[in-house]
Amino acid sequence: MKKILFAILAISSGLSFAVDNPVYLDANIGVNTTYGAGLATGANIGYLFNPNLGLEGGITYGASNGSNWNSGNSYYMYDAAVKGILPLGDTFALYGKLGIAYNYYASCNGCSNGFNNGSNTGLLYGVGAQFNLSKSWSLHLEDYSVSGNNPNMLVAGGEFKF
């Protein structure tokens, strides 16, 4: 009987930390601050286990000097990260990310010699601030990078919790 009571208390205490809308999707736009301050765009999908801990995966595209596949450098990053969140009231939160990322890049300086392609895997790390507009919508500013010779991204975006 004591084991059943303990199990019920443990489950009910865990439910008190449940998140109303645990699945979220966000979209970002900003700059690649490392290589010529070009465009950076991205999207993430995530799951919040509780108000302080989540897991997310995403994709980022970055280009230097406003370039595209015909000139300059293009960069794709696919990542998975743990997200730690520090709520500072109902409307504001700080967060950090730590994970792993696969990076693919192509550079073309006039394309006379073709593309120089490459890829690597590294440690993803980042920090951000989030302003909650409602239970479902929020805005954020985020700075993140990947270890090694990879660009740093500074992005702003919006998030929708389902």
Protein backbone atom coordinates (compact mmCIF):
# COMPACT_ATOMS: atom_id res chain seq x y z
CA MET A 1 0.00 0.00 0.00
CA LYS A 2 2.84 2.40 0.82
CA LYS A 3 4.39 1.73 -2.59
CA ILE A 4 1.12 2.54 -4.36
CA LEU A 5 0.69 5.74 -2.34
CA PHE A 6 4.28 6.75 -3.08
CA ALA A 7 3.76 6.07 -6.81
CA ILE A 8 0.56 8.17 -6.87
CA LEU A 9 2.32 11.06 -5.09
CA ALA A 10 5.30 10.84 -7.44
CA ILE A 11 3.10 10.87 -10.55
CA SER A 12 0.91 13.71 -9.30
CA SER A 13 3.92 15.83 -8.37
CA GLY A 14 5.35 15.26 -11.84
CA LEU A 15 2.10 16.33 -13.46
CA SER A 16 2.16 19.61 -11.60
CA PHE A 17 5.20 20.55 -13.69
CA ALA A 18 3.57 19.56 -16.99
CA VAL A 19 3.58 22.05 -19.83
CA ASP A 20 0.25 23.07 -21.41
CA ASN A 21 1.67 23.10 -24.95
CA PRO A 22 4.78 20.88 -24.99
CA VAL A 23 5.41 20.84 -28.78
CA TYR A 24 6.72 24.01 -30.43
CA LEU A 25 7.90 25.24 -33.81
CA ASP A 26 10.03 28.33 -34.36
CA ALA A 27 11.40 30.26 -37.31
CA ASN A 28 14.41 32.60 -37.27
CA ILE A 29 16.09 35.20 -39.43
CA GLY A 30 19.30 37.05 -38.73
CA VAL A 31 22.97 37.31 -39.65
CA ASN A 32 25.95 35.05 -39.96
CA THR A 33 28.33 37.16 -37.83
CA THR A 34 31.49 35.23 -38.71
CA TYR A 35 31.84 35.32 -42.49
CA GLY A 36 30.85 38.65 -43.94
CA ALA A 37 27.61 39.21 -42.01
CA GLY A 38 25.42 37.44 -44.54
CA LEU A 39 21.88 36.16 -44.19
CA ALA A 40 21.00 33.40 -41.69
CA THR A 41 17.62 31.65 -41.57
CA GLY A 42 16.46 28.64 -39.63
CA ALA A 43 13.67 26.60 -38.10
CA ASN A 44 13.39 24.30 -35.09
CA ILE A 45 10.86 21.84 -33.75
CA GLY A 46 10.99 20.99 -30.07
CA TYR A 47 9.38 19.31 -27.10
CA LEU A 48 9.24 20.76 -23.56
CA PHE A 49 9.39 18.11 -20.84
CA ASN A 50 8.70 20.77 -18.21
CA PRO A 51 8.99 24.59 -18.05
CA ASN A 52 12.78 24.34 -17.62
CA LEU A 53 13.89 21.55 -19.97
CA GLY A 54 13.31 20.76 -23.63
CA LEU A 55 14.76 18.94 -26.60
CA GLU A 56 14.83 20.37 -30.12
CA GLY A 57 16.09 19.74 -33.62
CA GLY A 58 16.53 22.16 -36.44
CA ILE A 59 18.11 23.39 -39.64
CA THR A 60 19.99 26.63 -40.31
CA TYR A 61 21.01 28.14 -43.63
CA GLY A 62 23.66 30.82 -43.72
CA ALA A 63 25.28 32.75 -46.56
CA SER A 64 28.17 35.19 -46.48
CA ASN A 65 27.94 38.61 -48.08
CA GLY A 66 24.29 38.04 -49.00
CA SER A 67 25.45 35.33 -51.38
CA ASN A 68 23.74 32.35 -52.89
CA TRP A 69 24.97 29.17 -54.61
CA ASN A 70 26.49 31.27 -57.41
CA SER A 71 28.99 33.22 -55.30
CA GLY A 72 30.49 33.44 -51.81
CA ASN A 73 29.84 30.81 -49.15
CA SER A 74 26.72 28.82 -48.28
CA TYR A 75 26.29 26.89 -45.06
CA TYR A 76 23.73 24.35 -43.83
CA MET A 77 23.54 23.08 -40.26
CA TYR A 78 21.35 20.24 -38.96
CA ASP A 79 21.25 20.05 -35.16
CA ALA A 80 19.80 18.38 -32.07
CA ALA A 81 20.09 20.08 -28.69
CA VAL A 82 18.96 20.08 -25.08
CA LYS A 83 17.40 23.44 -24.15
CA GLY A 84 17.59 24.67 -20.55
CA ILE A 85 15.13 27.47 -19.72
CA LEU A 86 15.19 29.93 -16.81
CA PRO A 87 11.76 31.64 -16.61
CA LEU A 88 11.95 35.13 -15.08
CA GLY A 89 8.24 35.64 -14.55
CA ASP A 90 5.39 34.79 -16.91
CA THR A 91 6.55 36.89 -19.84
CA PHE A 92 10.36 36.64 -19.98
CA ALA A 93 12.87 33.78 -19.96
CA LEU A 94 16.56 33.19 -20.58
CA TYR A 95 17.72 29.94 -22.13
CA GLY A 96 20.78 28.01 -23.19
CA LYS A 97 21.32 25.22 -25.70
CA LEU A 98 23.86 22.43 -25.85
CA GLY A 99 23.90 19.73 -28.48
CA ILE A 100 25.46 18.35 -31.62
CA ALA A 101 25.36 19.66 -35.18
CA TYR A 102 26.27 18.40 -38.65
CA ASN A 103 27.53 21.19 -40.89
CA TYR A 104 27.73 21.26 -44.67
CA TYR A 105 29.26 24.16 -46.55
CA ALA A 106 30.15 25.16 -50.09
CA SER A 107 32.31 28.08 -51.13
CA CYS A 108 32.66 29.57 -54.58
CA ASN A 109 34.89 32.50 -55.34
CA GLY A 110 33.67 33.37 -58.82
CA CYS A 111 33.17 29.65 -59.46
CA SER A 112 36.10 29.53 -61.91
CA ASN A 113 37.47 26.51 -60.03
CA GLY A 114 34.11 25.09 -59.02
CA PHE A 115 32.80 24.65 -55.49
CA ASN A 116 34.92 23.80 -52.46
CA ASN A 117 32.57 21.58 -50.46
CA GLY A 118 33.06 20.23 -46.96
CA SER A 119 31.31 19.01 -43.86
CA ASN A 120 32.00 18.46 -40.18
CA THR A 121 30.28 17.64 -36.92
CA GLY A 122 30.69 19.75 -33.81
CA LEU A 123 29.32 20.83 -30.46
CA LEU A 124 26.37 23.24 -30.72
CA TYR A 125 26.12 25.90 -28.00
CA GLY A 126 24.00 29.00 -27.68
CA VAL A 127 22.09 31.42 -25.48
CA GLY A 128 18.89 33.37 -25.93
CA ALA A 129 16.18 35.54 -24.43
CA GLN A 130 12.47 34.93 -24.96
CA PHE A 131 9.46 37.25 -24.56
CA ASN A 132 6.14 35.42 -24.22
CA LEU A 133 3.27 37.20 -25.96
CA SER A 134 0.73 34.54 -24.90
CA LYS A 135 0.68 30.85 -23.91
CA SER A 136 1.14 29.93 -27.57
CA TRP A 137 3.24 32.75 -29.09
CA SER A 138 6.65 34.16 -28.19
CA LEU A 139 9.48 36.20 -29.69
CA HIS A 140 13.17 35.51 -29.12
CA LEU A 141 16.72 36.71 -29.77
CA GLU A 142 19.37 33.99 -29.95
CA ASP A 143 23.13 33.70 -30.49
CA TYR A 144 24.55 30.26 -31.32
CA SER A 145 27.51 28.57 -32.93
CA VAL A 146 29.17 25.21 -33.46
CA SER A 147 32.69 24.29 -32.35
CA GLY A 148 35.39 24.21 -35.00
CA ASN A 149 35.63 26.43 -38.05
CA ASN A 150 31.90 27.17 -38.25
CA PRO A 151 29.98 30.45 -38.37
CA ASN A 152 28.25 32.16 -35.48
CA MET A 153 24.56 33.03 -35.98
CA LEU A 154 22.68 35.92 -34.37
CA VAL A 155 18.95 35.53 -35.07
CA ALA A 156 15.56 36.85 -34.02
CA GLY A 157 12.41 34.85 -34.43
CA GLY A 158 9.01 33.71 -33.35
CA GLU A 159 7.79 30.54 -31.71
CA PHE A 160 4.42 28.82 -31.71
CA LYS A 161 3.48 26.23 -29.09
CA PHE A 162 0.83 23.74 -30.26
